[in-house]
N, C-alpha and C. Protein backbone atom coordinates (compact mmCIF):
# COMPACT_ATOMS: atom_id res chain seq x y z
N MET A 1 -9.72 70.65 7.00
CA MET A 1 -10.91 70.68 7.70
C MET A 1 -10.22 70.80 9.49
N ALA A 2 -10.19 71.90 10.35
CA ALA A 2 -9.38 71.77 11.25
C ALA A 2 -9.97 70.88 12.25
N THR A 3 -9.25 70.13 12.70
CA THR A 3 -10.23 69.36 14.37
C THR A 3 -10.01 69.96 15.57
N GLU A 4 -11.13 70.25 16.23
CA GLU A 4 -10.93 70.48 17.57
C GLU A 4 -10.52 69.94 18.33
N THR A 5 -9.76 69.80 19.57
CA THR A 5 -9.33 69.16 20.31
C THR A 5 -9.44 69.41 21.73
N THR A 6 -9.58 68.24 22.88
CA THR A 6 -9.81 68.83 23.93
C THR A 6 -8.16 69.21 24.93
N PRO A 7 -8.10 69.68 26.08
CA PRO A 7 -6.58 69.96 26.61
C PRO A 7 -6.20 68.70 26.40
N SER A 8 -6.70 67.83 26.80
CA SER A 8 -5.53 66.49 26.64
C SER A 8 -5.40 66.01 25.28
N GLY A 9 -5.72 66.34 24.18
CA GLY A 9 -5.17 66.08 22.94
C GLY A 9 -6.25 65.66 22.19
N ALA A 10 -7.54 64.86 23.14
CA ALA A 10 -8.46 63.87 22.57
C ALA A 10 -9.38 64.70 21.56
N PRO A 11 -9.90 64.14 20.68
CA PRO A 11 -10.63 64.91 19.31
C PRO A 11 -12.29 65.44 20.14
N VAL A 12 -12.48 66.47 19.67
CA VAL A 12 -13.97 66.94 20.36
C VAL A 12 -14.74 66.35 19.39
N THR A 13 -16.16 65.45 19.90
CA THR A 13 -16.61 65.06 19.01
C THR A 13 -18.26 65.49 19.63
N ALA A 14 -18.29 66.79 20.34
CA ALA A 14 -20.02 67.21 20.23
C ALA A 14 -20.81 67.11 19.19
N ASP A 15 -21.98 66.29 19.68
CA ASP A 15 -22.82 66.56 18.77
C ASP A 15 -23.42 67.87 18.17
N ARG A 16 -23.60 68.01 17.09
CA ARG A 16 -24.28 69.76 16.75
C ARG A 16 -25.78 69.73 16.99
N SER A 17 -26.89 68.45 16.92
CA SER A 17 -27.96 68.74 17.14
C SER A 17 -27.76 68.81 18.52
N THR A 18 -27.17 68.54 19.46
CA THR A 18 -27.61 68.32 21.05
C THR A 18 -27.20 70.17 21.14
N GLU A 19 -26.08 70.40 20.57
CA GLU A 19 -25.89 71.90 20.64
C GLU A 19 -26.92 72.92 20.24
N LEU A 20 -27.51 72.47 19.03
CA LEU A 20 -28.71 73.16 18.72
C LEU A 20 -29.79 73.31 19.57
N VAL A 21 -30.11 71.93 19.97
CA VAL A 21 -31.44 71.93 20.75
C VAL A 21 -31.23 72.78 22.34
N ASN A 22 -29.85 72.64 22.82
CA ASN A 22 -29.74 73.72 23.82
C ASN A 22 -29.59 74.73 23.68
N ARG A 23 -29.45 75.60 22.52
CA ARG A 23 -29.73 76.93 22.15
C ARG A 23 -30.90 77.24 21.95
N LEU A 24 -31.44 76.30 21.27
CA LEU A 24 -32.89 76.49 21.10
C LEU A 24 -33.70 77.20 22.42
N LEU A 25 -33.53 75.93 23.41
CA LEU A 25 -34.37 75.66 24.69
C LEU A 25 -34.18 77.19 25.31
N LYS A 26 -33.06 77.50 25.03
CA LYS A 26 -32.83 79.24 25.90
C LYS A 26 -33.55 80.34 24.94
N LEU A 27 -34.45 79.69 23.69
CA LEU A 27 -35.31 81.17 23.24
C LEU A 27 -36.36 81.25 24.12
N PRO A 28 -37.12 82.76 24.01
CA PRO A 28 -38.29 82.96 24.73
C PRO A 28 -39.05 81.44 24.53
N GLU A 29 -40.14 81.71 25.70
CA GLU A 29 -41.48 80.64 25.32
C GLU A 29 -42.28 80.97 24.34
N GLU A 30 -42.54 82.11 24.00
CA GLU A 30 -43.06 82.10 22.91
C GLU A 30 -42.74 82.18 21.64
N THR A 31 -41.41 82.27 21.64
CA THR A 31 -40.67 81.73 20.34
C THR A 31 -40.56 80.03 20.10
N ARG A 32 -40.04 79.45 21.08
CA ARG A 32 -40.00 77.90 21.36
C ARG A 32 -41.84 77.13 20.98
N LEU A 33 -42.66 78.10 21.37
CA LEU A 33 -44.11 77.68 21.34
C LEU A 33 -44.59 77.75 19.81
N ASP A 34 -43.75 78.79 19.21
CA ASP A 34 -43.95 78.98 17.64
C ASP A 34 -43.16 77.91 16.89
N LEU A 35 -41.90 77.99 16.94
CA LEU A 35 -41.41 76.68 16.98
C LEU A 35 -41.93 75.49 16.92
N ALA A 36 -42.49 75.32 17.71
CA ALA A 36 -43.27 73.78 17.74
C ALA A 36 -44.13 73.76 17.20
N HIS A 37 -44.72 74.91 17.05
CA HIS A 37 -45.78 74.81 16.00
C HIS A 37 -45.90 75.03 14.87
N LEU A 38 -45.00 74.92 14.10
CA LEU A 38 -44.24 75.37 13.04
C LEU A 38 -43.42 73.67 12.36
N LEU A 39 -43.22 73.65 13.78
CA LEU A 39 -42.30 71.89 13.38
C LEU A 39 -43.18 70.80 13.04
N LEU A 40 -44.59 71.24 14.08
CA LEU A 40 -45.63 70.26 13.89
C LEU A 40 -46.17 70.60 12.44
N ASP A 41 -46.57 71.53 12.18
CA ASP A 41 -47.55 71.79 10.81
C ASP A 41 -46.28 71.13 9.89
N SER A 42 -45.26 71.21 9.71
CA SER A 42 -44.36 70.84 8.52
C SER A 42 -44.69 69.47 8.94
N VAL A 43 -44.66 68.61 9.52
CA VAL A 43 -44.86 67.13 9.89
C VAL A 43 -46.18 67.01 9.30
N LYS A 44 -47.44 67.85 9.73
CA LYS A 44 -48.58 67.49 9.18
C LYS A 44 -49.02 67.71 7.67
N ARG A 45 -48.43 68.95 7.28
CA ARG A 45 -48.46 69.26 5.89
C ARG A 45 -47.65 68.97 5.09
N GLY A 46 -46.44 68.59 5.36
CA GLY A 46 -45.63 68.50 4.41
C GLY A 46 -44.87 69.41 4.03
N PHE A 47 -44.45 70.52 4.43
CA PHE A 47 -43.64 71.47 3.92
C PHE A 47 -42.64 71.41 4.36
N THR A 48 -41.29 71.95 3.92
CA THR A 48 -40.12 71.96 3.93
C THR A 48 -38.94 73.33 4.56
N SER A 49 -40.17 74.37 4.15
CA SER A 49 -38.94 75.71 4.37
C SER A 49 -40.43 76.28 4.91
N LEU A 50 -40.00 77.62 5.65
CA LEU A 50 -40.29 78.71 5.73
C LEU A 50 -40.83 79.23 4.59
N GLU A 51 -40.27 79.76 3.89
CA GLU A 51 -40.87 79.88 2.67
C GLU A 51 -41.92 79.35 1.73
N GLU A 52 -41.86 78.17 1.81
CA GLU A 52 -42.96 77.26 1.56
C GLU A 52 -44.46 77.11 2.58
N ALA A 53 -43.96 77.47 3.75
CA ALA A 53 -45.24 77.01 4.38
C ALA A 53 -45.84 78.86 4.29
N GLU A 54 -44.66 79.89 4.55
CA GLU A 54 -45.83 81.37 3.94
C GLU A 54 -46.60 81.07 2.57
N ALA A 55 -45.68 80.23 1.66
CA ALA A 55 -46.54 80.35 0.48
C ALA A 55 -48.07 79.67 0.42
N ARG A 56 -48.32 78.64 1.33
CA ARG A 56 -49.19 77.81 1.60
C ARG A 56 -50.38 78.72 2.64
N ASP A 57 -49.65 79.56 3.33
CA ASP A 57 -50.63 80.05 3.80
C ASP A 57 -51.40 81.49 3.17
N LYS A 58 -50.44 81.87 2.37
CA LYS A 58 -50.91 82.97 1.71
C LYS A 58 -51.70 82.10 0.55
N GLN A 59 -52.07 81.15 0.28
CA GLN A 59 -53.02 80.55 -0.62
C GLN A 59 -53.82 80.37 -0.23
N LEU A 60 -54.31 79.53 0.83
CA LEU A 60 -55.09 79.69 1.93
C LEU A 60 -56.01 81.12 2.38
N VAL A 61 -55.38 81.84 2.14
CA VAL A 61 -56.01 83.23 2.66
C VAL A 61 -56.58 83.94 0.96
N ARG A 62 -55.95 83.69 0.18
CA ARG A 62 -56.26 84.08 -1.35
C ARG A 62 -57.76 83.38 -1.56
N SER A 63 -57.55 81.95 -1.43
CA SER A 63 -58.49 81.02 -1.30
C SER A 63 -60.12 81.49 -0.67
N ARG A 64 -59.72 81.78 0.57
CA ARG A 64 -60.32 81.95 1.03
C ARG A 64 -61.65 83.56 0.85
N LEU A 65 -60.17 84.23 0.60
CA LEU A 65 -61.31 85.77 0.18
C LEU A 65 -61.93 85.36 -0.91
N ASP A 66 -61.47 84.64 -2.27
CA ASP A 66 -62.29 84.35 -3.48
C ASP A 66 -63.35 83.57 -2.91
N GLU A 67 -63.67 82.92 -2.27
CA GLU A 67 -65.23 82.47 -1.90
C GLU A 67 -65.41 83.48 -1.24
N LEU A 68 -65.04 84.48 -0.67
CA LEU A 68 -66.20 85.69 0.06
C LEU A 68 -66.47 86.17 -0.95
N THR A 69 -65.39 86.69 -1.73
CA THR A 69 -66.10 87.70 -2.93
C THR A 69 -66.95 87.14 -4.03
N SER A 70 -66.57 85.58 -4.31
CA SER A 70 -68.07 85.07 -5.17
C SER A 70 -69.05 84.84 -4.55
N GLY A 71 -69.04 84.83 -3.37
CA GLY A 71 -70.43 84.50 -2.33
C GLY A 71 -70.52 82.81 -2.32
N LYS A 72 -70.13 82.59 -2.33
CA LYS A 72 -69.58 80.88 -2.05
C LYS A 72 -69.39 80.99 -0.86
N ALA A 73 -68.96 81.72 0.11
CA ALA A 73 -68.93 81.69 1.52
C ALA A 73 -69.50 83.11 2.16
N LYS A 74 -70.03 82.61 3.05
CA LYS A 74 -70.95 83.99 4.02
C LYS A 74 -69.90 84.18 5.27
N LEU A 75 -69.64 85.64 5.26
CA LEU A 75 -69.48 85.76 6.77
C LEU A 75 -70.38 85.26 7.83
N ILE A 76 -70.21 85.46 9.24
CA ILE A 76 -71.08 85.07 10.12
C ILE A 76 -71.32 86.19 10.85
N ASP A 77 -72.09 86.57 11.73
CA ASP A 77 -72.36 87.91 12.59
C ASP A 77 -71.45 87.51 13.92
N PRO A 78 -70.66 88.12 14.08
CA PRO A 78 -69.65 87.56 15.38
C PRO A 78 -70.92 87.32 16.82
N GLU A 79 -71.73 88.09 16.73
CA GLU A 79 -72.83 87.73 18.11
C GLU A 79 -73.42 86.36 17.82
N ASP A 80 -73.64 85.80 16.66
CA ASP A 80 -74.26 84.73 16.68
C ASP A 80 -72.82 83.58 16.98
N MET A 81 -71.64 83.89 16.56
CA MET A 81 -70.62 82.88 16.43
C MET A 81 -70.41 82.77 18.20
N PHE A 82 -70.87 83.92 18.80
CA PHE A 82 -70.53 83.68 20.16
C PHE A 82 -71.52 83.15 21.05
N ALA A 83 -72.43 83.19 20.44
CA ALA A 83 -73.85 82.83 21.21
C ALA A 83 -73.62 80.92 20.76
N GLU A 84 -72.96 81.13 19.61
CA GLU A 84 -73.25 79.47 19.10
C GLU A 84 -71.76 78.78 19.90
N MET A 85 -70.80 79.67 20.71
CA MET A 85 -69.37 79.15 21.17
C MET A 85 -69.94 78.71 22.51
N ARG A 86 -70.87 79.79 23.17
CA ARG A 86 -71.49 79.41 24.40
C ARG A 86 -72.52 78.40 24.80
N ARG A 87 -73.24 77.89 23.64
CA ARG A 87 -74.04 77.19 23.34
C ARG A 87 -73.00 75.47 23.70
N ARG A 88 -71.98 75.84 22.84
CA ARG A 88 -71.44 74.30 22.56
C ARG A 88 -70.80 74.07 24.37
N ALA A 89 -70.12 75.54 24.39
CA ALA A 89 -69.36 75.28 26.04
C ALA A 89 -70.32 74.53 27.18
N GLU A 90 -71.38 75.13 27.24
CA GLU A 90 -72.81 74.77 28.13
C GLU A 90 -72.75 73.18 27.53
N GLU A 91 -72.55 72.71 26.23
CA GLU A 91 -73.02 71.14 26.51
C GLU A 91 -72.08 70.27 26.69
N VAL A 92 -70.83 70.54 26.97
CA VAL A 92 -69.25 70.19 27.00
C VAL A 92 -69.58 70.58 28.96
N ARG A 93 -69.81 71.43 29.44
CA ARG A 93 -70.02 71.44 31.20
C ARG A 93 -71.16 70.11 31.51
N LYS A 94 -72.01 69.82 30.67
CA LYS A 94 -73.18 68.98 31.18
C LYS A 94 -72.45 67.60 30.97
N LYS A 95 -71.83 67.76 30.48
CA LYS A 95 -71.35 66.31 30.30
C LYS A 95 -70.44 65.82 31.19
């Protein structure tokens, strides 16, 4: 393997992780936020790849659809949901 050197002949010892972080920090804000969420989820949920995360998401969607079609779960009316959110927001404001 070839070793890179500086003009003075000293070996280059740049930390590849620092280089990677600097490159990632140059990404658009939305992309960085998506990456941050993905990394946090990987710690919380224990997955190690995008494929594994996607498989877990698909499984979650399938299980929720199964609950709906079996009648185990019911959809709520959007107006009821918004009314509940307004009620909860008002409770928080009062505190």
